[in-house]
Amino acid sequence: MGYLDKTSITVDAILTKKGRELLAKNDGSFEITQFALGDSEIDYTLFNENHPNGTQYSAEAIENMPLIEAIPDGTNMMKSHLITLSRGKSLLPYITVAGISNDTIQLIKGDLLPFSVAPVTHNLTNAGSSAVEAGGYKFTIVNFNYLTEMTSDTNTGSPMQLDTYGGTEAIAEHITGNVANLIPVNDLALFPAGTDSITTTMIIEGITTGARKTLQVIVNKS
């Protein structure tokens, strides 16, 4: 969902199949009870304190930016959630994952030992605090074709098996929990000639705080 025009109350929304079904009933069952706001499409580097027309025009370029239309792809929309901090907090929560160098997960084709991704969130209650979020995390892999399996410690969410797709196009899948366990693919055909590795992305989102972390996932041929 996205506001298309800041001067009027105009909303562009894409409904899911279930949403369209409820709307078609026209009996009041279609009701929006929750929503999220984000500013992923805003380029704040355009803020110009030295604008030739004065400081009141510093944000002119930002305010005149066109807003993108709503798209039903969580991996490309709402990357920067707007959140409300708890009373007395002034620091944004952020996520780290221990045991991963340079935000990169290195896997080896055919390895049957799961690689565990265990994030923690910092600044949860006060400056310097860190813990696993009470609501857990959402783990999204942008191209599930590169994995044989992705499970969580709570077994919440169940990515479909690879052979259901019937193609090699990138398919995003997600699970929720406190820890994500990854098993890389064992298919040599996915590696183009002369290529020693294939790469995709994992996005980790804190369900309680909205904090977000992006990791690179590399599956090496050997």
C-alpha atoms as a PDB file:
ATOM      1  CA  MET A   1       0.000   0.000   0.000  1.00  0.00           C
ATOM      2  CA  GLY A   2       1.354   3.471  -0.804  1.00  0.00           C
ATOM      3  CA  TYR A   3       0.238   7.074  -0.677  1.00  0.00           C
ATOM      4  CA  LEU A   4       0.414   8.363  -4.250  1.00  0.00           C
ATOM      5  CA  ASP A   5      -0.223  12.058  -3.642  1.00  0.00           C
ATOM      6  CA  LYS A   6       0.693  13.877  -0.432  1.00  0.00           C
ATOM      7  CA  THR A   7      -1.840  16.645  -1.158  1.00  0.00           C
ATOM      8  CA  SER A   8      -4.878  14.354  -1.028  1.00  0.00           C
ATOM      9  CA  ILE A   9      -5.965  11.183   0.716  1.00  0.00           C
ATOM     10  CA  THR A  10      -5.221   8.843  -2.172  1.00  0.00           C
ATOM     11  CA  VAL A  11      -4.115   5.294  -1.465  1.00  0.00           C
ATOM     12  CA  ASP A  12      -2.904   2.642  -3.902  1.00  0.00           C
ATOM     13  CA  ALA A  13      -3.388  -0.839  -2.478  1.00  0.00           C
ATOM     14  CA  ILE A  14      -2.795  -4.329  -3.854  1.00  0.00           C
ATOM     15  CA  LEU A  15      -4.994  -6.918  -2.178  1.00  0.00           C
ATOM     16  CA  THR A  16      -4.135 -10.550  -1.660  1.00  0.00           C
ATOM     17  CA  LYS A  17      -6.475 -13.226  -2.975  1.00  0.00           C
ATOM     18  CA  LYS A  18      -8.024 -13.498   0.501  1.00  0.00           C
ATOM     19  CA  GLY A  19      -8.397  -9.730   0.686  1.00  0.00           C
ATOM     20  CA  ARG A  20     -10.226  -9.608  -2.641  1.00  0.00           C
ATOM     21  CA  GLU A  21     -12.480 -12.418  -1.458  1.00  0.00           C
ATOM     22  CA  LEU A  22     -13.446 -10.499   1.705  1.00  0.00           C
ATOM     23  CA  LEU A  23     -13.929  -7.247  -0.213  1.00  0.00           C
ATOM     24  CA  ALA A  24     -16.234  -8.975  -2.712  1.00  0.00           C
ATOM     25  CA  LYS A  25     -18.510 -10.149   0.114  1.00  0.00           C
ATOM     26  CA  ASN A  26     -19.401  -6.505   0.878  1.00  0.00           C
ATOM     27  CA  ASP A  27     -20.587  -7.512   4.358  1.00  0.00           C
ATOM     28  CA  GLY A  28     -18.082  -5.596   6.472  1.00  0.00           C
ATOM     29  CA  SER A  29     -15.693  -8.534   6.831  1.00  0.00           C
ATOM     30  CA  PHE A  30     -13.022  -6.604   4.909  1.00  0.00           C
ATOM     31  CA  GLU A  31     -11.412  -4.411   7.554  1.00  0.00           C
ATOM     32  CA  ILE A  32      -7.876  -3.053   7.713  1.00  0.00           C
ATOM     33  CA  THR A  33      -6.742  -3.418  11.330  1.00  0.00           C
ATOM     34  CA  GLN A  34      -2.959  -3.046  10.972  1.00  0.00           C
ATOM     35  CA  PHE A  35      -0.591  -1.261   8.626  1.00  0.00           C
ATOM     36  CA  ALA A  36       3.071  -0.308   8.413  1.00  0.00           C
ATOM     37  CA  LEU A  37       4.813   2.790   7.084  1.00  0.00           C
ATOM     38  CA  GLY A  38       8.177   3.015   5.383  1.00  0.00           C
ATOM     39  CA  ASP A  39      10.380   5.396   3.447  1.00  0.00           C
ATOM     40  CA  SER A  40      12.555   3.009   1.435  1.00  0.00           C
ATOM     41  CA  GLU A  41      12.169   5.055  -1.764  1.00  0.00           C
ATOM     42  CA  ILE A  42      13.357   8.330  -0.195  1.00  0.00           C
ATOM     43  CA  ASP A  43      16.926   9.460  -0.931  1.00  0.00           C
ATOM     44  CA  TYR A  44      17.878  11.628   2.049  1.00  0.00           C
ATOM     45  CA  THR A  45      21.231  12.539   0.488  1.00  0.00           C
ATOM     46  CA  LEU A  46      19.225  15.009  -1.620  1.00  0.00           C
ATOM     47  CA  PHE A  47      18.681  17.188   1.485  1.00  0.00           C
ATOM     48  CA  ASN A  48      20.601  20.376   0.713  1.00  0.00           C
ATOM     49  CA  GLU A  49      21.335  22.708   3.624  1.00  0.00           C
ATOM     50  CA  ASN A  50      23.033  25.095   1.185  1.00  0.00           C
ATOM     51  CA  HIS A  51      20.090  25.502  -1.182  1.00  0.00           C
ATOM     52  CA  PRO A  52      20.491  28.769  -3.137  1.00  0.00           C
ATOM     53  CA  ASN A  53      16.910  29.803  -2.249  1.00  0.00           C
ATOM     54  CA  GLY A  54      17.434  29.408   1.499  1.00  0.00           C
ATOM     55  CA  THR A  55      17.192  26.714   4.163  1.00  0.00           C
ATOM     56  CA  GLN A  56      13.396  26.516   3.815  1.00  0.00           C
ATOM     57  CA  TYR A  57      14.046  24.820   0.458  1.00  0.00           C
ATOM     58  CA  SER A  58      16.571  22.317   1.825  1.00  0.00           C
ATOM     59  CA  ALA A  59      14.148  19.397   1.451  1.00  0.00           C
ATOM     60  CA  GLU A  60      12.629  20.568  -1.844  1.00  0.00           C
ATOM     61  CA  ALA A  61      14.185  17.762  -3.926  1.00  0.00           C
ATOM     62  CA  ILE A  62      13.012  15.118  -1.451  1.00  0.00           C
ATOM     63  CA  GLU A  63       9.472  16.474  -1.250  1.00  0.00           C
ATOM     64  CA  ASN A  64       9.185  16.448  -5.047  1.00  0.00           C
ATOM     65  CA  MET A  65      10.390  12.859  -5.469  1.00  0.00           C
ATOM     66  CA  PRO A  66       7.826  10.554  -7.109  1.00  0.00           C
ATOM     67  CA  LEU A  67       6.597   7.793  -4.807  1.00  0.00           C
ATOM     68  CA  ILE A  68       6.735   4.252  -6.152  1.00  0.00           C
ATOM     69  CA  GLU A  69       3.498   2.337  -6.502  1.00  0.00           C
ATOM     70  CA  ALA A  70       2.722  -0.536  -4.175  1.00  0.00           C
ATOM     71  CA  ILE A  71       4.272  -3.860  -5.198  1.00  0.00           C
ATOM     72  CA  PRO A  72       3.400  -7.232  -3.610  1.00  0.00           C
ATOM     73  CA  ASP A  73       7.002  -8.247  -2.937  1.00  0.00           C
ATOM     74  CA  GLY A  74       8.247  -7.928   0.620  1.00  0.00           C
ATOM     75  CA  THR A  75      11.859  -8.349  -0.470  1.00  0.00           C
ATOM     76  CA  ASN A  76      11.689  -5.087  -2.411  1.00  0.00           C
ATOM     77  CA  MET A  77       9.138  -3.054  -0.452  1.00  0.00           C
ATOM     78  CA  MET A  78       9.201  -1.644   3.065  1.00  0.00           C
ATOM     79  CA  LYS A  79      12.913  -2.131   3.585  1.00  0.00           C
ATOM     80  CA  SER A  80      13.004   0.857   5.937  1.00  0.00           C
ATOM     81  CA  HIS A  81      10.127   0.658   8.389  1.00  0.00           C
ATOM     82  CA  LEU A  82       9.094   3.716  10.373  1.00  0.00           C
ATOM     83  CA  ILE A  83       8.902   2.709  14.023  1.00  0.00           C
ATOM     84  CA  THR A  84       7.971   4.289  17.354  1.00  0.00           C
ATOM     85  CA  LEU A  85      10.606   3.915  20.053  1.00  0.00           C
ATOM     86  CA  SER A  86       9.546   3.035  23.579  1.00  0.00           C
ATOM     87  CA  ARG A  87       9.403   5.824  26.147  1.00  0.00           C
ATOM     88  CA  GLY A  88      12.859   6.950  27.208  1.00  0.00           C
ATOM     89  CA  LYS A  89      14.664   5.258  24.290  1.00  0.00           C
ATOM     90  CA  SER A  90      16.722   7.272  21.837  1.00  0.00           C
ATOM     91  CA  LEU A  91      18.718   4.579  20.029  1.00  0.00           C
ATOM     92  CA  LEU A  92      17.441   2.530  17.102  1.00  0.00           C
ATOM     93  CA  PRO A  93      17.513  -1.262  17.485  1.00  0.00           C
ATOM     94  CA  TYR A  94      19.834  -3.129  15.124  1.00  0.00           C
ATOM     95  CA  ILE A  95      20.609  -6.767  14.394  1.00  0.00           C
ATOM     96  CA  THR A  96      23.921  -8.629  14.410  1.00  0.00           C
ATOM     97  CA  VAL A  97      24.689 -12.278  13.670  1.00  0.00           C
ATOM     98  CA  ALA A  98      27.632 -13.910  15.450  1.00  0.00           C
ATOM     99  CA  GLY A  99      30.050 -16.126  13.564  1.00  0.00           C
ATOM    100  CA  ILE A 100      29.535 -14.462  10.176  1.00  0.00           C
ATOM    101  CA  SER A 101      32.386 -12.451   8.673  1.00  0.00           C
ATOM    102  CA  ASN A 102      31.659  -9.386   6.501  1.00  0.00           C
ATOM    103  CA  ASP A 103      27.928 -10.153   6.583  1.00  0.00           C
ATOM    104  CA  THR A 104      28.557 -13.131   4.285  1.00  0.00           C
ATOM    105  CA  ILE A 105      27.421 -16.727   4.757  1.00  0.00           C
ATOM    106  CA  GLN A 106      29.715 -19.226   3.021  1.00  0.00           C
ATOM    107  CA  LEU A 107      28.131 -22.578   2.112  1.00  0.00           C
ATOM    108  CA  ILE A 108      29.475 -25.547   0.144  1.00  0.00           C
ATOM    109  CA  LYS A 109      27.382 -27.398  -2.431  1.00  0.00           C
ATOM    110  CA  GLY A 110      26.041 -30.674  -1.119  1.00  0.00           C
ATOM    111  CA  ASP A 111      26.980 -30.038   2.533  1.00  0.00           C
ATOM    112  CA  LEU A 112      24.344 -31.822   4.641  1.00  0.00           C
ATOM    113  CA  LEU A 113      25.333 -30.092   7.901  1.00  0.00           C
ATOM    114  CA  PRO A 114      22.896 -27.181   8.459  1.00  0.00           C
ATOM    115  CA  PHE A 115      24.351 -23.709   8.740  1.00  0.00           C
ATOM    116  CA  SER A 116      22.643 -21.889  11.624  1.00  0.00           C
ATOM    117  CA  VAL A 117      21.880 -18.165  11.517  1.00  0.00           C
ATOM    118  CA  ALA A 118      21.186 -16.901  15.058  1.00  0.00           C
ATOM    119  CA  PRO A 119      20.579 -13.136  15.211  1.00  0.00           C
ATOM    120  CA  VAL A 120      20.335 -10.894  18.263  1.00  0.00           C
ATOM    121  CA  THR A 121      18.920  -7.381  18.478  1.00  0.00           C
ATOM    122  CA  HIS A 122      20.785  -4.534  20.190  1.00  0.00           C
ATOM    123  CA  ASN A 123      19.319  -1.527  22.038  1.00  0.00           C
ATOM    124  CA  LEU A 124      16.203  -3.504  22.884  1.00  0.00           C
ATOM    125  CA  THR A 125      15.605  -2.060  26.349  1.00  0.00           C
ATOM    126  CA  ASN A 126      18.454   0.409  26.789  1.00  0.00           C
ATOM    127  CA  ALA A 127      21.754   1.427  25.241  1.00  0.00           C
ATOM    128  CA  GLY A 128      24.068  -1.545  24.836  1.00  0.00           C
ATOM    129  CA  SER A 129      21.487  -4.213  25.666  1.00  0.00           C
ATOM    130  CA  SER A 130      21.138  -7.174  23.322  1.00  0.00           C
ATOM    131  CA  ALA A 131      18.860 -10.192  23.232  1.00  0.00           C
ATOM    132  CA  VAL A 132      16.727 -12.369  21.001  1.00  0.00           C
ATOM    133  CA  GLU A 133      13.485 -10.567  20.233  1.00  0.00           C
ATOM    134  CA  ALA A 134      10.388 -11.846  21.998  1.00  0.00           C
ATOM    135  CA  GLY A 135       8.540 -12.076  18.697  1.00  0.00           C
ATOM    136  CA  GLY A 136      11.452 -13.778  16.932  1.00  0.00           C
ATOM    137  CA  TYR A 137      12.641 -12.999  13.401  1.00  0.00           C
ATOM    138  CA  LYS A 138      11.510 -13.349   9.828  1.00  0.00           C
ATOM    139  CA  PHE A 139      14.180 -14.911   7.588  1.00  0.00           C
ATOM    140  CA  THR A 140      13.717 -14.344   3.845  1.00  0.00           C
ATOM    141  CA  ILE A 141      15.956 -15.992   1.245  1.00  0.00           C
ATOM    142  CA  VAL A 142      15.667 -14.168  -2.075  1.00  0.00           C
ATOM    143  CA  ASN A 143      16.465 -17.222  -4.218  1.00  0.00           C
ATOM    144  CA  PHE A 144      15.393 -20.463  -2.578  1.00  0.00           C
ATOM    145  CA  ASN A 145      16.654 -22.398  -5.606  1.00  0.00           C
ATOM    146  CA  TYR A 146      20.117 -22.251  -4.044  1.00  0.00           C
ATOM    147  CA  LEU A 147      19.012 -24.146  -0.925  1.00  0.00           C
ATOM    148  CA  THR A 148      17.798 -27.684  -0.418  1.00  0.00           C
ATOM    149  CA  GLU A 149      16.186 -26.820   2.904  1.00  0.00           C
ATOM    150  CA  MET A 150      15.491 -23.865   5.183  1.00  0.00           C
ATOM    151  CA  THR A 151      13.966 -24.495   8.625  1.00  0.00           C
ATOM    152  CA  SER A 152      13.674 -22.635  11.915  1.00  0.00           C
ATOM    153  CA  ASP A 153      14.021 -23.689  15.534  1.00  0.00           C
ATOM    154  CA  THR A 154      10.261 -23.265  15.988  1.00  0.00           C
ATOM    155  CA  ASN A 155       9.381 -24.923  12.661  1.00  0.00           C
ATOM    156  CA  THR A 156       7.237 -21.896  11.840  1.00  0.00           C
ATOM    157  CA  GLY A 157       6.755 -21.554   8.113  1.00  0.00           C
ATOM    158  CA  SER A 158       7.502 -24.280   5.619  1.00  0.00           C
ATOM    159  CA  PRO A 159       9.193 -23.401   2.305  1.00  0.00           C
ATOM    160  CA  MET A 160       7.929 -25.525  -0.557  1.00  0.00           C
ATOM    161  CA  GLN A 161      10.165 -28.185  -2.006  1.00  0.00           C
ATOM    162  CA  LEU A 162      12.319 -27.045  -4.909  1.00  0.00           C
ATOM    163  CA  ASP A 163      10.845 -29.462  -7.484  1.00  0.00           C
ATOM    164  CA  THR A 164       7.388 -27.871  -7.055  1.00  0.00           C
ATOM    165  CA  TYR A 165       8.469 -24.770  -8.911  1.00  0.00           C
ATOM    166  CA  GLY A 166       9.238 -26.446 -12.215  1.00  0.00           C
ATOM    167  CA  GLY A 167      11.746 -23.780 -13.196  1.00  0.00           C
ATOM    168  CA  THR A 168      14.996 -22.049 -12.297  1.00  0.00           C
ATOM    169  CA  GLU A 169      13.689 -18.495 -11.814  1.00  0.00           C
ATOM    170  CA  ALA A 170      14.483 -16.828  -8.495  1.00  0.00           C
ATOM    171  CA  ILE A 171      11.860 -17.729  -5.893  1.00  0.00           C
ATOM    172  CA  ALA A 172      11.811 -16.011  -2.500  1.00  0.00           C
ATOM    173  CA  GLU A 173      10.801 -17.998   0.579  1.00  0.00           C
ATOM    174  CA  HIS A 174      10.630 -17.080   4.250  1.00  0.00           C
ATOM    175  CA  ILE A 175      10.341 -18.676   7.674  1.00  0.00           C
ATOM    176  CA  THR A 176      10.002 -17.226  11.171  1.00  0.00           C
ATOM    177  CA  GLY A 177      11.670 -18.186  14.433  1.00  0.00           C
ATOM    178  CA  ASN A 178      14.760 -17.408  16.475  1.00  0.00           C
ATOM    179  CA  VAL A 179      17.271 -19.379  14.394  1.00  0.00           C
ATOM    180  CA  ALA A 180      17.315 -20.274  10.692  1.00  0.00           C
ATOM    181  CA  ASN A 181      19.029 -23.466   9.518  1.00  0.00           C
ATOM    182  CA  LEU A 182      20.237 -23.581   5.909  1.00  0.00           C
ATOM    183  CA  ILE A 183      21.257 -26.583   3.807  1.00  0.00           C
ATOM    184  CA  PRO A 184      22.765 -25.666   0.413  1.00  0.00           C
ATOM    185  CA  VAL A 185      21.693 -27.159  -2.871  1.00  0.00           C
ATOM    186  CA  ASN A 186      23.492 -30.182  -4.332  1.00  0.00           C
ATOM    187  CA  ASP A 187      22.876 -29.442  -7.998  1.00  0.00           C
ATOM    188  CA  LEU A 188      25.884 -28.794 -10.239  1.00  0.00           C
ATOM    189  CA  ALA A 189      23.595 -27.568 -13.029  1.00  0.00           C
ATOM    190  CA  LEU A 190      22.952 -24.329 -11.121  1.00  0.00           C
ATOM    191  CA  PHE A 191      26.599 -23.321 -11.546  1.00  0.00           C
ATOM    192  CA  PRO A 192      27.259 -21.672 -14.938  1.00  0.00           C
ATOM    193  CA  ALA A 193      30.336 -22.852 -16.815  1.00  0.00           C
ATOM    194  CA  GLY A 194      33.484 -21.383 -15.312  1.00  0.00           C
ATOM    195  CA  THR A 195      31.641 -20.251 -12.155  1.00  0.00           C
ATOM    196  CA  ASP A 196      32.828 -21.429  -8.765  1.00  0.00           C
ATOM    197  CA  SER A 197      29.988 -19.950  -6.704  1.00  0.00           C
ATOM    198  CA  ILE A 198      26.421 -18.663  -6.843  1.00  0.00           C
ATOM    199  CA  THR A 199      25.109 -15.841  -4.680  1.00  0.00           C
ATOM    200  CA  THR A 200      21.793 -14.779  -3.205  1.00  0.00           C
ATOM    201  CA  THR A 201      20.596 -12.648  -0.283  1.00  0.00           C
ATOM    202  CA  MET A 202      19.073 -13.334   3.129  1.00  0.00           C
ATOM    203  CA  ILE A 203      17.005 -10.616   4.818  1.00  0.00           C
ATOM    204  CA  ILE A 204      16.467 -10.818   8.583  1.00  0.00           C
ATOM    205  CA  GLU A 205      13.701  -8.739  10.138  1.00  0.00           C
ATOM    206  CA  GLY A 206      12.971  -8.380  13.841  1.00  0.00           C
ATOM    207  CA  ILE A 207       9.251  -9.050  14.279  1.00  0.00           C
ATOM    208  CA  THR A 208       9.040  -7.003  17.493  1.00  0.00           C
ATOM    209  CA  THR A 209      11.235  -4.029  16.568  1.00  0.00           C
ATOM    210  CA  GLY A 210      11.245  -3.946  12.762  1.00  0.00           C
ATOM    211  CA  ALA A 211      15.060  -3.917  12.762  1.00  0.00           C
ATOM    212  CA  ARG A 212      16.522  -5.281   9.542  1.00  0.00           C
ATOM    213  CA  LYS A 213      19.745  -7.035   8.559  1.00  0.00           C
ATOM    214  CA  THR A 214      20.860  -8.133   5.084  1.00  0.00           C
ATOM    215  CA  LEU A 215      23.361 -10.953   4.555  1.00  0.00           C
ATOM    216  CA  GLN A 216      24.992 -12.276   1.413  1.00  0.00           C
ATOM    217  CA  VAL A 217      24.666 -16.053   0.955  1.00  0.00           C
ATOM    218  CA  ILE A 218      27.328 -17.678  -1.227  1.00  0.00           C
ATOM    219  CA  VAL A 219      27.132 -21.334  -2.246  1.00  0.00           C
ATOM    220  CA  ASN A 220      30.566 -22.510  -3.361  1.00  0.00           C
ATOM    221  CA  LYS A 221      31.002 -25.353  -5.837  1.00  0.00           C
ATOM    222  CA  SER A 222      33.710 -26.978  -3.736  1.00  0.00           C
END
